[in-house]
C-alpha atoms as a PDB file:
ATOM      1  CA  MET A   1     -14.247  16.186  -4.075  1.00  0.00           C
ATOM      2  CA  SER A   2     -11.119  14.592  -5.474  1.00  0.00           C
ATOM      3  CA  GLU A   3     -11.045  13.401  -9.073  1.00  0.00           C
ATOM      4  CA  ARG A   4      -8.963  10.369  -8.185  1.00  0.00           C
ATOM      5  CA  LEU A   5      -8.028   8.752  -4.935  1.00  0.00           C
ATOM      6  CA  ARG A   6      -4.257   8.561  -4.493  1.00  0.00           C
ATOM      7  CA  VAL A   7      -2.814   5.765  -2.385  1.00  0.00           C
ATOM      8  CA  VAL A   8       0.378   6.222  -0.397  1.00  0.00           C
ATOM      9  CA  GLY A   9       1.998   3.294   1.366  1.00  0.00           C
ATOM     10  CA  ILE A  10       3.951   4.059   4.517  1.00  0.00           C
ATOM     11  CA  SER A  11       6.460   1.378   5.421  1.00  0.00           C
ATOM     12  CA  GLY A  12       9.579   0.802   7.452  1.00  0.00           C
ATOM     13  CA  PRO A  13      10.825  -1.348  10.292  1.00  0.00           C
ATOM     14  CA  VAL A  14       9.479  -1.420  13.846  1.00  0.00           C
ATOM     15  CA  GLY A  15       9.953   1.972  15.502  1.00  0.00           C
ATOM     16  CA  ALA A  16      10.741   3.882  12.296  1.00  0.00           C
ATOM     17  CA  GLY A  17       7.838   6.288  12.829  1.00  0.00           C
ATOM     18  CA  LYS A  18       5.195   4.894  10.473  1.00  0.00           C
ATOM     19  CA  SER A  19       2.286   5.444  12.861  1.00  0.00           C
ATOM     20  CA  SER A  20       3.464   8.930  13.818  1.00  0.00           C
ATOM     21  CA  VAL A  21       3.815  10.101  10.214  1.00  0.00           C
ATOM     22  CA  ALA A  22       0.542   8.487   9.138  1.00  0.00           C
ATOM     23  CA  SER A  23      -1.369   9.950  12.078  1.00  0.00           C
ATOM     24  CA  LEU A  24       0.014  13.446  11.522  1.00  0.00           C
ATOM     25  CA  LEU A  25      -0.958  13.397   7.857  1.00  0.00           C
ATOM     26  CA  ALA A  26      -4.413  11.952   8.542  1.00  0.00           C
ATOM     27  CA  LYS A  27      -5.225  14.533  11.222  1.00  0.00           C
ATOM     28  CA  ASP A  28      -3.838  17.622   9.473  1.00  0.00           C
ATOM     29  CA  GLY A  29      -6.821  19.611   8.200  1.00  0.00           C
ATOM     30  CA  ALA A  30      -4.599  22.046   6.309  1.00  0.00           C
ATOM     31  CA  PHE A  31      -2.974  19.126   4.494  1.00  0.00           C
ATOM     32  CA  ALA A  32      -6.388  17.703   3.556  1.00  0.00           C
ATOM     33  CA  ALA A  33      -7.481  21.108   2.276  1.00  0.00           C
ATOM     34  CA  ALA A  34      -4.280  21.485   0.259  1.00  0.00           C
ATOM     35  CA  ILE A  35      -4.748  18.138  -1.489  1.00  0.00           C
ATOM     36  CA  GLY A  36      -8.427  18.714  -2.136  1.00  0.00           C
ATOM     37  CA  GLY A  37     -10.127  16.180   0.092  1.00  0.00           C
ATOM     38  CA  ALA A  38     -10.144  13.936   3.092  1.00  0.00           C
ATOM     39  CA  VAL A  39      -7.267  11.697   4.119  1.00  0.00           C
ATOM     40  CA  VAL A  40      -8.178   8.146   5.131  1.00  0.00           C
ATOM     41  CA  LEU A  41      -5.733   6.025   7.121  1.00  0.00           C
ATOM     42  CA  VAL A  42      -5.709   2.231   7.302  1.00  0.00           C
ATOM     43  CA  ASP A  43      -3.218   0.262   9.391  1.00  0.00           C
ATOM     44  CA  ALA A  44      -2.500  -3.114   7.769  1.00  0.00           C
ATOM     45  CA  ASP A  45      -1.115  -4.595  10.982  1.00  0.00           C
ATOM     46  CA  GLU A  46      -4.226  -3.599  12.943  1.00  0.00           C
ATOM     47  CA  THR A  47      -6.386  -4.947  10.123  1.00  0.00           C
ATOM     48  CA  LEU A  48      -4.541  -8.260  10.469  1.00  0.00           C
ATOM     49  CA  ARG A  49      -4.942  -8.311  14.264  1.00  0.00           C
ATOM     50  CA  GLU A  50      -8.670  -7.659  13.861  1.00  0.00           C
ATOM     51  CA  ALA A  51      -8.998 -10.439  11.283  1.00  0.00           C
ATOM     52  CA  ARG A  52      -7.262 -12.867  13.643  1.00  0.00           C
ATOM     53  CA  ARG A  53      -9.681 -11.912  16.422  1.00  0.00           C
ATOM     54  CA  THR A  54     -12.903 -11.948  14.414  1.00  0.00           C
ATOM     55  CA  GLN A  55     -12.515 -14.415  11.558  1.00  0.00           C
ATOM     56  CA  ARG A  56     -12.836 -17.895  12.956  1.00  0.00           C
ATOM     57  CA  PRO A  57     -11.763 -19.701   9.750  1.00  0.00           C
ATOM     58  CA  LEU A  58      -8.514 -17.706   9.753  1.00  0.00           C
ATOM     59  CA  ARG A  59      -7.937 -18.332  13.442  1.00  0.00           C
ATOM     60  CA  ASP A  60      -8.648 -22.065  12.997  1.00  0.00           C
ATOM     61  CA  ALA A  61      -6.247 -22.280  10.041  1.00  0.00           C
ATOM     62  CA  ILE A  62      -3.531 -20.556  12.089  1.00  0.00           C
ATOM     63  CA  ILE A  63      -4.098 -22.925  14.997  1.00  0.00           C
ATOM     64  CA  ALA A  64      -3.923 -25.878  12.613  1.00  0.00           C
ATOM     65  CA  LEU A  65      -0.460 -24.669  11.543  1.00  0.00           C
ATOM     66  CA  HIS A  66       0.688 -24.022  15.117  1.00  0.00           C
ATOM     67  CA  PRO A  67      -1.543 -25.715  17.721  1.00  0.00           C
ATOM     68  CA  ALA A  68       0.559 -24.414  20.642  1.00  0.00           C
ATOM     69  CA  SER A  69      -0.647 -20.885  19.853  1.00  0.00           C
ATOM     70  CA  ARG A  70      -4.226 -21.723  20.896  1.00  0.00           C
ATOM     71  CA  LEU A  71      -5.296 -20.355  24.256  1.00  0.00           C
ATOM     72  CA  PRO A  72      -7.928 -22.193  26.365  1.00  0.00           C
ATOM     73  CA  ASP A  73     -10.645 -19.761  25.232  1.00  0.00           C
ATOM     74  CA  GLY A  74      -9.889 -20.511  21.558  1.00  0.00           C
ATOM     75  CA  SER A  75      -8.114 -17.212  20.882  1.00  0.00           C
ATOM     76  CA  LEU A  76      -4.523 -16.914  19.716  1.00  0.00           C
ATOM     77  CA  ASP A  77      -1.467 -16.470  21.884  1.00  0.00           C
ATOM     78  CA  THR A  78       0.054 -13.972  19.476  1.00  0.00           C
ATOM     79  CA  GLN A  79       3.339 -13.702  21.370  1.00  0.00           C
ATOM     80  CA  ARG A  80       3.868 -17.457  21.193  1.00  0.00           C
ATOM     81  CA  LEU A  81       2.806 -17.489  17.543  1.00  0.00           C
ATOM     82  CA  ALA A  82       5.197 -14.648  16.668  1.00  0.00           C
ATOM     83  CA  ALA A  83       8.110 -16.293  18.464  1.00  0.00           C
ATOM     84  CA  ALA A  84       7.485 -19.565  16.620  1.00  0.00           C
ATOM     85  CA  ALA A  85       6.999 -17.870  13.243  1.00  0.00           C
ATOM     86  CA  PHE A  86      10.151 -15.772  13.450  1.00  0.00           C
ATOM     87  CA  ALA A  87      12.131 -18.861  14.474  1.00  0.00           C
ATOM     88  CA  ASP A  88      10.756 -20.961  11.593  1.00  0.00           C
ATOM     89  CA  PRO A  89      10.822 -19.416   8.094  1.00  0.00           C
ATOM     90  CA  THR A  90       8.542 -22.152   6.721  1.00  0.00           C
ATOM     91  CA  LEU A  91       5.876 -21.454   9.356  1.00  0.00           C
ATOM     92  CA  LEU A  92       6.211 -17.718   8.740  1.00  0.00           C
ATOM     93  CA  ALA A  93       5.701 -18.167   4.993  1.00  0.00           C
ATOM     94  CA  ARG A  94       2.639 -20.371   5.547  1.00  0.00           C
ATOM     95  CA  LEU A  95       1.131 -17.870   7.991  1.00  0.00           C
ATOM     96  CA  GLU A  96       1.748 -15.001   5.588  1.00  0.00           C
ATOM     97  CA  GLY A  97       0.085 -17.020   2.837  1.00  0.00           C
ATOM     98  CA  LEU A  98      -3.029 -17.307   5.002  1.00  0.00           C
ATOM     99  CA  GLN A  99      -3.101 -13.807   6.411  1.00  0.00           C
ATOM    100  CA  TRP A 100      -1.978 -11.298   3.800  1.00  0.00           C
ATOM    101  CA  PRO A 101      -4.675 -12.080   1.210  1.00  0.00           C
ATOM    102  CA  ILE A 102      -7.303 -11.298   3.860  1.00  0.00           C
ATOM    103  CA  VAL A 103      -5.615  -7.988   4.672  1.00  0.00           C
ATOM    104  CA  VAL A 104      -5.271  -7.074   0.988  1.00  0.00           C
ATOM    105  CA  GLU A 105      -8.996  -7.727   0.512  1.00  0.00           C
ATOM    106  CA  ALA A 106      -9.960  -5.709   3.611  1.00  0.00           C
ATOM    107  CA  ILE A 107      -7.844  -2.760   2.484  1.00  0.00           C
ATOM    108  CA  ALA A 108      -9.377  -2.953  -1.003  1.00  0.00           C
ATOM    109  CA  MET A 109     -12.771  -2.481   0.678  1.00  0.00           C
ATOM    110  CA  VAL A 110     -11.447   0.538   2.621  1.00  0.00           C
ATOM    111  CA  ARG A 111     -10.073   1.931  -0.621  1.00  0.00           C
ATOM    112  CA  SER A 112     -13.432   1.530  -2.365  1.00  0.00           C
ATOM    113  CA  SER A 113     -15.243   3.205   0.523  1.00  0.00           C
ATOM    114  CA  ALA A 114     -12.733   6.076   0.598  1.00  0.00           C
ATOM    115  CA  GLN A 115     -13.087   6.555  -3.143  1.00  0.00           C
ATOM    116  CA  GLN A 116     -16.889   6.541  -2.968  1.00  0.00           C
ATOM    117  CA  GLY A 117     -16.715   9.012  -0.084  1.00  0.00           C
ATOM    118  CA  GLY A 118     -14.652  11.458  -2.144  1.00  0.00           C
ATOM    119  CA  ALA A 119     -11.402  11.125  -0.184  1.00  0.00           C
ATOM    120  CA  ALA A 120      -8.313  12.493  -1.897  1.00  0.00           C
ATOM    121  CA  LEU A 121      -5.758  10.255  -0.218  1.00  0.00           C
ATOM    122  CA  LEU A 122      -5.608   6.797   1.307  1.00  0.00           C
ATOM    123  CA  LEU A 123      -2.632   6.147   3.573  1.00  0.00           C
ATOM    124  CA  VAL A 124      -1.761   2.458   3.973  1.00  0.00           C
ATOM    125  CA  GLU A 125       0.541   1.879   6.937  1.00  0.00           C
ATOM    126  CA  ALA A 126       2.256  -1.515   6.793  1.00  0.00           C
ATOM    127  CA  ILE A 127       5.524  -2.926   8.035  1.00  0.00           C
ATOM    128  CA  ALA A 128       5.336  -5.565   5.265  1.00  0.00           C
ATOM    129  CA  LEU A 129       4.002  -3.333   2.501  1.00  0.00           C
ATOM    130  CA  VAL A 130       5.987  -5.016  -0.275  1.00  0.00           C
ATOM    131  CA  LYS A 131       5.906  -8.588   1.041  1.00  0.00           C
ATOM    132  CA  SER A 132       2.139  -8.461   1.594  1.00  0.00           C
ATOM    133  CA  GLY A 133       1.397  -7.343  -1.952  1.00  0.00           C
ATOM    134  CA  LEU A 134      -0.078  -4.036  -0.763  1.00  0.00           C
ATOM    135  CA  ALA A 135       2.634  -2.005  -2.513  1.00  0.00           C
ATOM    136  CA  ALA A 136       1.184  -2.960  -5.897  1.00  0.00           C
ATOM    137  CA  GLY A 137      -1.851  -0.772  -5.180  1.00  0.00           C
ATOM    138  CA  CYS A 138       0.149   2.284  -4.139  1.00  0.00           C
ATOM    139  CA  ASP A 139       0.885   5.386  -6.186  1.00  0.00           C
ATOM    140  CA  LEU A 140       3.784   6.284  -3.897  1.00  0.00           C
ATOM    141  CA  ILE A 141       5.661   4.553  -1.097  1.00  0.00           C
ATOM    142  CA  LEU A 142       7.221   6.346   1.857  1.00  0.00           C
ATOM    143  CA  ASN A 143       9.837   4.026   3.326  1.00  0.00           C
ATOM    144  CA  LEU A 144      10.813   5.449   6.718  1.00  0.00           C
ATOM    145  CA  HIS A 145      14.123   4.804   8.421  1.00  0.00           C
ATOM    146  CA  ALA A 146      15.548   5.453  11.872  1.00  0.00           C
ATOM    147  CA  SER A 147      18.656   4.253  13.664  1.00  0.00           C
ATOM    148  CA  ARG A 148      18.489   0.995  15.603  1.00  0.00           C
ATOM    149  CA  GLU A 149      18.796   2.956  18.858  1.00  0.00           C
ATOM    150  CA  VAL A 150      15.881   5.255  18.004  1.00  0.00           C
ATOM    151  CA  ARG A 151      13.750   2.316  16.874  1.00  0.00           C
ATOM    152  CA  ALA A 152      14.480   0.389  20.082  1.00  0.00           C
ATOM    153  CA  ALA A 153      13.579   3.408  22.223  1.00  0.00           C
ATOM    154  CA  ARG A 154      10.325   4.013  20.322  1.00  0.00           C
ATOM    155  CA  SER A 155       9.187   0.414  20.165  1.00  0.00           C
ATOM    156  CA  GLY A 156      10.224  -0.795  23.588  1.00  0.00           C
ATOM    157  CA  TYR A 157      11.706  -3.906  21.948  1.00  0.00           C
ATOM    158  CA  SER A 158      15.278  -5.071  22.171  1.00  0.00           C
ATOM    159  CA  LEU A 159      16.567  -4.861  18.618  1.00  0.00           C
ATOM    160  CA  THR A 160      19.908  -6.499  19.397  1.00  0.00           C
ATOM    161  CA  GLY A 161      21.032  -8.390  16.348  1.00  0.00           C
ATOM    162  CA  CYS A 162      18.789  -6.408  13.988  1.00  0.00           C
ATOM    163  CA  ALA A 163      20.478  -4.911  10.996  1.00  0.00           C
ATOM    164  CA  PRO A 164      20.670  -1.129  10.813  1.00  0.00           C
ATOM    165  CA  THR A 165      18.073   0.325   8.458  1.00  0.00           C
ATOM    166  CA  THR A 166      20.288   1.923   5.868  1.00  0.00           C
ATOM    167  CA  ARG A 167      19.189  -0.111   2.841  1.00  0.00           C
ATOM    168  CA  THR A 168      16.852   1.287   0.237  1.00  0.00           C
ATOM    169  CA  MET A 169      14.804  -0.607  -2.270  1.00  0.00           C
ATOM    170  CA  SER A 170      13.016   0.419  -5.443  1.00  0.00           C
ATOM    171  CA  VAL A 171       9.641  -1.136  -6.077  1.00  0.00           C
ATOM    172  CA  PRO A 172       7.913  -0.935  -9.454  1.00  0.00           C
ATOM    173  CA  LEU A 173       4.411   0.365  -8.847  1.00  0.00           C
ATOM    174  CA  GLY A 174       2.878  -0.668 -12.130  1.00  0.00           C
ATOM    175  CA  ARG A 175       1.109   2.636 -12.714  1.00  0.00           C
END
C-alpha cells in the first residue's frame, strides 16, 4: 500500500498520444509493482461526456446557452455544440464555466476512492488540464507533443490551420 497517492496529469493537443501513454502506464503491472501500488486512470474528457449524458441540469444549462444543440430526444448534438463553441469564444467560456467544475468534482471523487483503495498513482488525462483547473491537483504534468502531421493521422481530424505544438509552458503546482 502506498503512503501517499501521487497525481500525474497527462495533457497535450488532439492526437499527441495522451490516451496511449496513459493506457500503457495504467496497464503495466511491472510499473505498478515498481511504484508500490495500483495505477488508476481517469479521462477528464470522458468524464465530461458522461456528465453531459447523465446530468440533466448540466444538459439543460448547455441547451439554454445554445438551443440549436438540442436533439429531438433531449440529448445534445455535440458536433453542433463544438462547432458553435469553437467559433464563439464567449460561448466556449460560458460552457467551460458550466462544465469544468463538474469534472473537477468528479475527479476529486475518483482521487478519494483511489487513495482509500491504496493506489500509488492517479493518472488524469485531459486536453485542457491547465484551463480546467485540474493541473492544480497534480504533482507532475506530462505535456505530450507530436507534429501536426502525426496528430492529424492519429486523430482523423483535419488540423489545417492549427499551430504546430512546439510551445512549452511551466505551470506552478502549488505543492
